[in-house]
Amino acid sequence: MTELPPPAGPGAPPRFPVVIVGAGPAGLTIGNILRAASVDCLVLETETRAFVEQRPRAGVIEEWAVRGLEKRGLARNLLDRAELHSACEFRFDGERYRFPYGELTGSHHFVYPQPLLVTDLVREYADVRGGAIRFGVRDVRLHDLDSDRPSVSYVCPDTGERQVVRTEFVAGCDGARGVTRASLPPDRVRIARHDYGIGWLALLAEAPPSTDCVLFGCHARGFAGQMPRSPEVTRYYLQCPPGDDPENWPHERVWAELRERLGASGAPPLTEGRLIEKRVLDMHDYVVEPLVHGRLYLAGDAAHLVAPIAAKGMNLALHDAFLLGDALTDRLTRGDDGGLAGYARACLRRVWDYQEFSQWLSEVYHGTAAGDPFRAGTTLARLRRLFTSPAAAAAFAEQYLGTAARY
């Protein structure tokens, strides 16, 4: 990876046109776009390289996002190794209902675990395109964002000394609890938040998927989901109380609930295996506005979070990265400010559409377990409509795949 350049003069701090805080999918994609245009940038990450390349996260990538990565030379391994999914299956009222969205739309999903994508992006950025990156940094701070001479400082993990980097723009890609979002002036930021009041027990099992597609179990005992990750590992979800303790879910209880909630007439038995991850996710969404403050531009989870209900999070992060990477490139190579001026509006149109779909889908998943006969009845009506109305099926497929012509 590229080292920091020498100071411009005695005692002067190094300078990069762009400093990117956070080495997740958004930050690394932005960095790769900039390096492809020969724009120097520095990525700062508080975790180690090994950690970010192994951190378990999402795995469903929409086709438009993959094509965006492919266009930028960032999808070679993904296209070779990803599984293609063109259908999902709902299970409710003891029956199975397959939804063949590939047949309806000609589009599909790619299943490629985020750790593999991050590994690809780090390698391409640091080892191939020569991008500068520092892992394990501490106490990152942003300075003078309202000026035309902003800077970023951090504590070097090797020397323990504070380093200062001059820059023109900062890309904030360090997630919900990162420093970039916290750097927005409290009196100028609005965080629109929605709490679903439910939890999901997120599980990784050393077991092959029990079917060839994603399963959604809508059951009176609570939602259950199966999301294939690889031929050997499967992601499962179980609805649970928010804040529940994963230790309340021993192996036997987990598999008993999965069998019950995903059970349906003619369904093959679940393939059980060792649980290698158990954590409880409290379902909530948020959107931060503004996404821009001075020379700081937020992207990914620093800007918005959509609960994993609709598997949209990584896709939104990539959408932000494409827009911001291209806009910064235009500004720094051609002096064109149009992309930066329209960045927030272009991001938020898709963000709010995905948030609305997540709310709608949450009612489909969880309505039958609400303890309210009216909600249960309307939920089942929604589900049945997907399989009896071509118009409803087409609308669902468009939102599920993110294929609307315009947001």
Protein backbone atom coordinates (compact mmCIF):
# COMPACT_ATOMS: atom_id res chain seq x y z
CA MET A 1 0.00 0.00 0.00
CA THR A 2 1.16 3.59 -0.63
CA GLU A 3 2.83 5.41 2.24
CA LEU A 4 1.99 8.99 3.16
CA PRO A 5 3.80 11.44 0.88
CA PRO A 6 6.58 13.52 2.36
CA PRO A 7 5.60 16.92 3.70
CA ALA A 8 5.49 19.76 1.17
CA GLY A 9 7.95 21.75 3.27
CA PRO A 10 9.72 21.59 6.61
CA GLY A 11 7.14 20.63 9.18
CA ALA A 12 4.23 20.80 6.71
CA PRO A 13 1.63 18.01 7.00
CA PRO A 14 1.04 15.69 4.03
CA ARG A 15 -1.80 16.53 1.68
CA PHE A 16 -4.36 14.40 -0.16
CA PRO A 17 -7.20 15.79 -2.28
CA VAL A 18 -9.61 13.38 -0.57
CA VAL A 19 -9.50 11.69 2.84
CA ILE A 20 -11.92 8.78 3.24
CA VAL A 21 -12.80 7.78 6.79
CA GLY A 22 -13.87 4.13 6.91
CA ALA A 23 -12.80 1.05 4.92
CA GLY A 24 -16.16 -0.56 4.27
CA PRO A 25 -17.82 -1.07 0.89
CA ALA A 26 -18.65 2.63 0.47
CA GLY A 27 -15.25 4.03 1.43
CA LEU A 28 -13.25 1.47 -0.53
CA THR A 29 -15.42 1.87 -3.64
CA ILE A 30 -14.96 5.65 -3.54
CA GLY A 31 -11.23 5.16 -3.12
CA ASN A 32 -11.04 2.81 -6.09
CA ILE A 33 -13.01 5.21 -8.30
CA LEU A 34 -10.63 8.03 -7.39
CA ARG A 35 -7.51 5.95 -7.96
CA ALA A 36 -8.80 4.83 -11.36
CA ALA A 37 -8.80 8.53 -12.29
CA SER A 38 -5.28 9.00 -10.79
CA VAL A 39 -6.66 11.09 -7.93
CA ASP A 40 -4.68 10.66 -4.71
CA CYS A 41 -6.65 9.82 -1.60
CA LEU A 42 -6.09 8.41 1.87
CA VAL A 43 -8.34 5.85 3.58
CA LEU A 44 -8.32 5.83 7.39
CA GLU A 45 -9.72 2.80 9.23
CA THR A 46 -9.80 2.19 12.98
CA GLU A 47 -9.84 -1.60 12.63
CA THR A 48 -7.16 -3.90 11.26
CA ARG A 49 -7.13 -5.15 7.68
CA ALA A 50 -7.80 -8.69 8.89
CA PHE A 51 -10.82 -7.50 10.86
CA VAL A 52 -12.53 -5.62 8.02
CA GLU A 53 -11.90 -8.53 5.64
CA GLN A 54 -13.60 -10.97 8.03
CA ARG A 55 -16.37 -8.88 9.60
CA PRO A 56 -19.69 -10.72 8.96
CA ARG A 57 -22.20 -8.55 7.18
CA ALA A 58 -24.71 -8.62 4.34
CA GLY A 59 -24.45 -10.78 1.26
CA VAL A 60 -27.26 -9.85 -1.15
CA ILE A 61 -26.27 -7.45 -3.95
CA GLU A 62 -28.74 -6.15 -6.47
CA GLU A 63 -27.90 -6.53 -10.15
CA TRP A 64 -27.65 -2.79 -10.86
CA ALA A 65 -25.06 -2.51 -8.08
CA VAL A 66 -23.01 -5.39 -9.49
CA ARG A 67 -23.10 -3.76 -12.92
CA GLY A 68 -21.87 -0.54 -11.33
CA LEU A 69 -18.95 -2.41 -9.77
CA GLU A 70 -18.28 -4.20 -13.06
CA LYS A 71 -18.20 -0.90 -14.96
CA ARG A 72 -15.48 0.30 -12.58
CA GLY A 73 -13.38 -2.86 -12.78
CA LEU A 74 -14.33 -4.01 -9.27
CA ALA A 75 -16.40 -7.14 -9.89
CA ARG A 76 -14.05 -9.76 -11.35
CA ASN A 77 -14.07 -12.14 -8.38
CA LEU A 78 -17.71 -11.40 -7.64
CA LEU A 79 -18.83 -12.38 -11.15
CA ASP A 80 -16.74 -15.56 -10.99
CA ARG A 81 -17.79 -16.69 -7.51
CA ALA A 82 -21.19 -15.23 -6.61
CA GLU A 83 -24.34 -17.31 -6.58
CA LEU A 84 -27.21 -16.03 -8.70
CA HIS A 85 -30.70 -15.97 -7.17
CA SER A 86 -33.78 -15.44 -9.29
CA ALA A 87 -36.54 -16.53 -6.89
CA CYS A 88 -37.54 -16.37 -3.25
CA GLU A 89 -40.07 -18.40 -1.29
CA PHE A 90 -42.69 -17.29 1.19
CA ARG A 91 -44.11 -19.76 3.69
CA PHE A 92 -47.39 -18.94 5.41
CA ASP A 93 -50.56 -20.78 6.40
CA GLY A 94 -48.55 -24.01 6.28
CA GLU A 95 -47.93 -23.71 2.51
CA ARG A 96 -45.02 -22.80 0.21
CA TYR A 97 -45.28 -20.00 -2.35
CA ARG A 98 -42.37 -19.51 -4.73
CA PHE A 99 -41.93 -16.03 -6.17
CA PRO A 100 -39.94 -16.26 -9.46
CA TYR A 101 -38.88 -12.62 -9.80
CA GLY A 102 -36.27 -13.51 -12.42
CA GLU A 103 -38.99 -14.75 -14.74
CA LEU A 104 -41.05 -11.61 -14.10
CA THR A 105 -38.26 -9.09 -14.61
CA GLY A 106 -35.26 -10.71 -16.27
CA SER A 107 -33.16 -9.55 -13.28
CA HIS A 108 -31.67 -11.42 -10.36
CA HIS A 109 -29.71 -11.01 -7.14
CA PHE A 110 -26.08 -11.87 -6.56
CA VAL A 111 -25.18 -13.53 -3.27
CA TYR A 112 -21.61 -12.59 -2.37
CA PRO A 113 -20.78 -12.14 1.34
CA GLN A 114 -19.61 -8.64 2.22
CA PRO A 115 -16.28 -9.86 3.69
CA LEU A 116 -15.35 -11.23 0.27
CA LEU A 117 -16.30 -7.99 -1.45
CA VAL A 118 -14.33 -5.93 1.08
CA THR A 119 -11.32 -8.21 0.60
CA ASP A 120 -11.54 -7.65 -3.16
CA LEU A 121 -11.90 -3.88 -2.77
CA VAL A 122 -8.99 -3.58 -0.31
CA ARG A 123 -6.72 -5.59 -2.58
CA GLU A 124 -7.67 -3.58 -5.64
CA TYR A 125 -7.30 -0.24 -3.87
CA ALA A 126 -4.12 -0.83 -1.89
CA ASP A 127 -2.25 -3.53 -3.77
CA VAL A 128 -3.24 -2.89 -7.40
CA ARG A 129 -4.18 0.79 -7.70
CA GLY A 130 -1.63 1.98 -5.15
CA GLY A 131 -4.05 3.74 -2.85
CA ALA A 132 -2.84 4.99 0.53
CA ILE A 133 -4.54 3.37 3.50
CA ARG A 134 -3.85 3.30 7.23
CA PHE A 135 -5.42 0.59 9.39
CA GLY A 136 -5.71 0.65 13.17
CA VAL A 137 -5.71 4.43 13.51
CA ARG A 138 -7.14 5.94 16.69
CA ASP A 139 -8.99 9.09 17.67
CA VAL A 140 -9.77 10.43 14.21
CA ARG A 141 -10.76 14.11 14.22
CA LEU A 142 -12.04 16.43 11.50
CA HIS A 143 -11.01 20.07 11.38
CA ASP A 144 -12.15 23.25 9.57
CA LEU A 145 -14.82 21.54 7.49
CA ASP A 146 -16.46 24.90 6.74
CA SER A 147 -13.27 26.28 5.23
CA ASP A 148 -11.53 25.63 1.94
CA ARG A 149 -8.60 24.09 3.84
CA PRO A 150 -10.04 21.24 5.92
CA SER A 151 -7.85 18.65 7.57
CA VAL A 152 -8.10 15.30 9.30
CA SER A 153 -5.94 14.14 12.19
CA TYR A 154 -5.48 10.76 13.82
CA VAL A 155 -3.23 8.96 16.27
CA CYS A 156 -0.76 6.72 14.47
CA PRO A 157 -0.93 3.13 15.77
CA ASP A 158 2.82 2.67 15.32
CA THR A 159 4.20 5.79 17.00
CA GLY A 160 1.32 6.95 19.19
CA GLU A 161 1.77 10.43 17.73
CA ARG A 162 -0.99 12.57 16.22
CA GLN A 163 -0.69 12.96 12.46
CA VAL A 164 -2.38 15.75 10.49
CA VAL A 165 -3.41 15.42 6.83
CA ARG A 166 -4.49 18.40 4.72
CA THR A 167 -7.26 17.74 2.24
CA GLU A 168 -9.90 19.31 0.01
CA PHE A 169 -12.75 16.89 0.72
CA VAL A 170 -13.64 14.33 3.39
CA ALA A 171 -15.80 11.28 2.61
CA GLY A 172 -17.46 10.05 5.80
CA CYS A 173 -17.94 6.30 5.44
CA ASP A 174 -17.35 5.13 9.01
CA GLY A 175 -20.82 3.97 9.98
CA ALA A 176 -23.43 4.89 12.55
CA ARG A 177 -21.04 5.38 15.46
CA GLY A 178 -18.18 6.95 13.53
CA VAL A 179 -16.61 10.34 13.96
CA THR A 180 -17.81 11.81 10.67
CA ARG A 181 -21.51 11.79 11.51
CA ALA A 182 -20.69 13.05 15.00
CA SER A 183 -18.85 15.98 13.38
CA LEU A 184 -22.07 17.47 12.03
CA PRO A 185 -23.11 20.52 14.11
CA PRO A 186 -25.89 19.32 16.48
CA ASP A 187 -28.04 22.36 15.72
CA ARG A 188 -27.92 21.67 11.98
CA VAL A 189 -28.48 17.92 11.80
CA ARG A 190 -31.77 16.04 11.74
CA ILE A 191 -31.89 12.29 12.25
CA ALA A 192 -35.19 10.79 11.16
CA ARG A 193 -35.49 7.46 12.96
CA HIS A 194 -37.98 4.62 12.98
CA ASP A 195 -37.96 1.79 15.53
CA TYR A 196 -39.89 -1.37 14.67
CA GLY A 197 -40.11 -2.58 18.28
CA ILE A 198 -38.86 -6.04 17.35
CA GLY A 199 -35.55 -7.88 17.34
CA TRP A 200 -34.00 -10.43 15.03
CA LEU A 201 -31.72 -13.16 16.29
CA ALA A 202 -29.06 -13.28 13.56
CA LEU A 203 -27.47 -16.69 13.15
CA LEU A 204 -24.74 -18.21 11.02
CA ALA A 205 -24.87 -21.97 10.74
CA GLU A 206 -22.23 -24.35 9.44
CA ALA A 207 -24.81 -26.05 7.27
CA PRO A 208 -25.76 -25.93 3.60
CA PRO A 209 -28.99 -24.11 2.72
CA SER A 210 -32.11 -26.25 2.87
CA THR A 211 -33.43 -24.83 -0.42
CA ASP A 212 -31.95 -23.07 -3.43
CA CYS A 213 -33.33 -19.65 -2.54
CA VAL A 214 -34.12 -17.18 0.23
CA LEU A 215 -36.96 -18.26 2.52
CA PHE A 216 -39.38 -15.97 4.36
CA GLY A 217 -41.44 -17.66 7.06
CA CYS A 218 -44.44 -15.55 8.18
CA HIS A 219 -45.70 -17.37 11.25
CA ALA A 220 -47.80 -16.64 14.32
CA ARG A 221 -44.76 -17.39 16.51
CA GLY A 222 -42.71 -14.79 14.66
CA PHE A 223 -40.77 -14.30 11.46
CA ALA A 224 -38.01 -16.67 10.36
CA GLY A 225 -35.71 -16.30 7.39
CA GLN A 226 -33.09 -18.33 5.55
CA MET A 227 -30.50 -16.47 3.46
CA PRO A 228 -27.92 -18.71 1.74
CA ARG A 229 -24.36 -17.39 2.01
CA SER A 230 -22.32 -20.24 0.51
CA PRO A 231 -22.66 -23.98 -0.11
CA GLU A 232 -21.37 -24.56 3.43
CA VAL A 233 -22.77 -21.61 5.45
CA THR A 234 -26.33 -20.31 5.85
CA ARG A 235 -27.65 -17.16 7.48
CA TYR A 236 -30.84 -17.56 9.52
CA TYR A 237 -32.99 -15.00 11.29
CA LEU A 238 -35.55 -15.48 14.04
CA GLN A 239 -37.85 -12.74 15.30
CA CYS A 240 -37.33 -12.17 19.04
CA PRO A 241 -37.91 -9.44 21.61
CA PRO A 242 -35.68 -6.37 21.13
CA GLY A 243 -32.67 -6.48 23.41
CA ASP A 244 -32.98 -10.23 23.93
CA ASP A 245 -29.91 -12.11 25.15
CA PRO A 246 -28.48 -14.50 22.53
CA GLU A 247 -27.73 -16.90 25.39
CA ASN A 248 -31.48 -17.38 25.72
CA TRP A 249 -31.28 -19.23 22.41
CA PRO A 250 -29.36 -22.51 22.81
CA HIS A 251 -28.83 -24.80 19.84
CA GLU A 252 -31.92 -26.94 20.46
CA ARG A 253 -34.28 -23.97 20.85
CA VAL A 254 -32.97 -22.27 17.71
CA TRP A 255 -33.49 -25.28 15.49
CA ALA A 256 -36.88 -26.10 17.01
CA GLU A 257 -38.13 -22.59 16.24
CA LEU A 258 -36.67 -22.62 12.74
CA ARG A 259 -38.37 -25.94 12.01
CA GLU A 260 -41.68 -24.62 13.30
CA ARG A 261 -41.64 -21.22 11.61
CA LEU A 262 -40.26 -22.42 8.28
CA GLY A 263 -42.33 -25.58 8.20
CA ALA A 264 -44.70 -26.04 5.27
CA SER A 265 -46.41 -28.79 3.36
CA GLY A 266 -43.94 -30.64 1.15
CA ALA A 267 -40.94 -28.65 2.39
CA PRO A 268 -37.67 -30.56 2.77
CA PRO A 269 -36.31 -30.77 6.32
CA LEU A 270 -33.85 -28.10 7.43
CA THR A 271 -30.21 -29.11 7.33
CA GLU A 272 -28.96 -28.42 10.84
CA GLY A 273 -25.41 -27.53 11.80
CA ARG A 274 -23.22 -25.85 14.36
CA LEU A 275 -24.12 -22.23 15.10
CA ILE A 276 -21.01 -20.11 14.63
CA GLU A 277 -22.65 -16.73 15.29
CA LYS A 278 -25.55 -15.55 17.43
CA ARG A 279 -26.39 -11.88 17.94
CA VAL A 280 -29.57 -9.88 18.39
CA LEU A 281 -30.32 -6.99 16.05
CA ASP A 282 -32.87 -4.40 17.16
CA MET A 283 -34.74 -3.44 14.00
CA HIS A 284 -34.57 0.28 13.29
CA ASP A 285 -33.96 2.70 10.42
CA TYR A 286 -32.57 6.21 10.28
CA VAL A 287 -31.75 8.90 7.74
CA VAL A 288 -29.32 11.72 8.48
CA GLU A 289 -29.89 15.10 6.89
CA PRO A 290 -27.98 16.97 5.66
CA LEU A 291 -25.59 14.48 4.07
CA VAL A 292 -23.22 17.36 3.34
CA HIS A 293 -21.57 19.81 5.71
CA GLY A 294 -18.94 22.08 4.22
CA ARG A 295 -16.30 19.79 2.71
CA LEU A 296 -17.69 16.65 4.43
CA TYR A 297 -19.87 14.21 2.45
CA LEU A 298 -21.51 11.27 4.25
CA ALA A 299 -22.06 7.90 2.59
CA GLY A 300 -23.27 4.45 3.64
CA ASP A 301 -24.29 3.79 7.24
CA ALA A 302 -22.88 7.15 8.33
CA ALA A 303 -25.68 8.70 6.28
CA HIS A 304 -28.52 6.22 6.66
CA LEU A 305 -29.38 2.80 7.97
CA VAL A 306 -32.06 0.50 6.65
CA ALA A 307 -32.84 -2.56 8.77
CA PRO A 308 -31.86 -5.90 7.18
CA ILE A 309 -35.56 -6.59 6.59
CA ALA A 310 -35.18 -5.97 2.85
CA ALA A 311 -31.41 -6.63 2.41
CA LYS A 312 -30.86 -3.10 1.12
CA GLY A 313 -28.02 -1.73 3.27
CA MET A 314 -24.96 -2.67 1.21
CA ASN A 315 -26.77 -1.72 -1.98
CA LEU A 316 -27.46 1.78 -0.70
CA ALA A 317 -23.83 2.10 0.40
CA LEU A 318 -22.66 1.21 -3.11
CA HIS A 319 -25.16 3.62 -4.67
CA ASP A 320 -23.76 6.44 -2.50
CA ALA A 321 -20.21 5.44 -3.40
CA PHE A 322 -20.84 5.46 -7.15
CA LEU A 323 -22.40 8.92 -6.94
CA LEU A 324 -19.81 10.42 -4.60
CA GLY A 325 -16.78 8.80 -6.24
CA ASP A 326 -17.85 10.02 -9.68
CA ALA A 327 -18.73 13.49 -8.35
CA LEU A 328 -15.37 13.93 -6.59
CA THR A 329 -13.57 12.73 -9.70
CA ASP A 330 -15.42 15.28 -11.84
CA ARG A 331 -14.59 18.06 -9.40
CA LEU A 332 -10.92 17.20 -9.01
CA THR A 333 -10.12 16.34 -12.63
CA ARG A 334 -12.39 18.70 -14.57
CA GLY A 335 -13.53 21.34 -12.11
CA ASP A 336 -17.16 20.20 -12.54
CA ASP A 337 -19.17 20.76 -9.32
CA GLY A 338 -22.50 19.47 -10.65
CA GLY A 339 -22.24 15.99 -9.15
CA LEU A 340 -21.29 17.26 -5.71
CA ALA A 341 -24.08 19.84 -5.77
CA GLY A 342 -26.68 17.17 -6.54
CA TYR A 343 -25.18 14.38 -4.44
CA ALA A 344 -27.47 14.51 -1.40
CA ARG A 345 -30.69 14.76 -3.40
CA ALA A 346 -29.69 11.91 -5.71
CA CYS A 347 -28.83 9.67 -2.74
CA LEU A 348 -31.92 10.41 -0.72
CA ARG A 349 -34.42 9.61 -3.44
CA ARG A 350 -33.33 5.96 -3.44
CA VAL A 351 -32.79 5.93 0.34
CA TRP A 352 -36.35 7.00 1.12
CA ASP A 353 -37.80 4.58 -1.42
CA TYR A 354 -35.90 1.70 0.16
CA GLN A 355 -36.97 2.81 3.63
CA GLU A 356 -40.62 2.77 2.59
CA PHE A 357 -40.25 -0.71 1.13
CA SER A 358 -38.59 -1.91 4.34
CA GLN A 359 -41.59 -0.67 6.36
CA TRP A 360 -44.04 -2.36 3.99
CA LEU A 361 -42.11 -5.63 4.04
CA SER A 362 -41.84 -5.54 7.82
CA GLU A 363 -45.61 -5.69 8.11
CA VAL A 364 -45.63 -8.67 5.74
CA TYR A 365 -43.00 -10.46 7.82
CA HIS A 366 -44.23 -9.60 11.29
CA GLY A 367 -47.96 -8.87 11.03
CA THR A 368 -49.08 -12.45 11.64
CA ALA A 369 -47.17 -12.48 14.96
CA ALA A 370 -48.50 -9.17 16.24
CA GLY A 371 -51.18 -10.74 18.44
CA ASP A 372 -53.80 -8.65 16.62
CA PRO A 373 -56.30 -10.66 14.54
CA PHE A 374 -56.98 -7.68 12.30
CA ARG A 375 -53.29 -7.16 11.46
CA ALA A 376 -52.88 -10.89 10.93
CA GLY A 377 -55.79 -10.91 8.50
CA THR A 378 -54.55 -7.95 6.48
CA THR A 379 -51.05 -9.39 6.41
CA LEU A 380 -52.30 -12.64 4.93
CA ALA A 381 -54.28 -10.64 2.39
CA ARG A 382 -51.10 -8.86 1.31
CA LEU A 383 -49.28 -12.15 0.97
CA ARG A 384 -52.04 -13.80 -1.03
CA ARG A 385 -52.22 -10.78 -3.35
CA LEU A 386 -48.57 -11.29 -4.37
CA PHE A 387 -49.51 -14.66 -5.81
CA THR A 388 -52.87 -13.78 -7.37
CA SER A 389 -52.34 -10.30 -8.84
CA PRO A 390 -49.80 -9.79 -11.65
CA ALA A 391 -49.77 -6.06 -10.92
CA ALA A 392 -48.94 -6.63 -7.24
CA ALA A 393 -46.27 -9.16 -8.17
CA ALA A 394 -44.67 -6.73 -10.65
CA ALA A 395 -44.64 -3.90 -8.10
CA PHE A 396 -43.07 -6.12 -5.44
CA ALA A 397 -40.42 -7.41 -7.84
CA GLU A 398 -39.43 -3.88 -8.86
CA GLN A 399 -38.95 -2.80 -5.25
CA TYR A 400 -37.28 -6.04 -4.18
CA LEU A 401 -34.72 -5.73 -6.99
CA GLY A 402 -34.37 -1.94 -6.96
CA THR A 403 -35.05 -1.72 -10.70
CA ALA A 404 -37.25 1.40 -10.89
CA ALA A 405 -36.22 3.55 -13.84
CA ARG A 406 -35.99 6.63 -11.64
CA TYR A 407 -35.94 7.36 -7.92
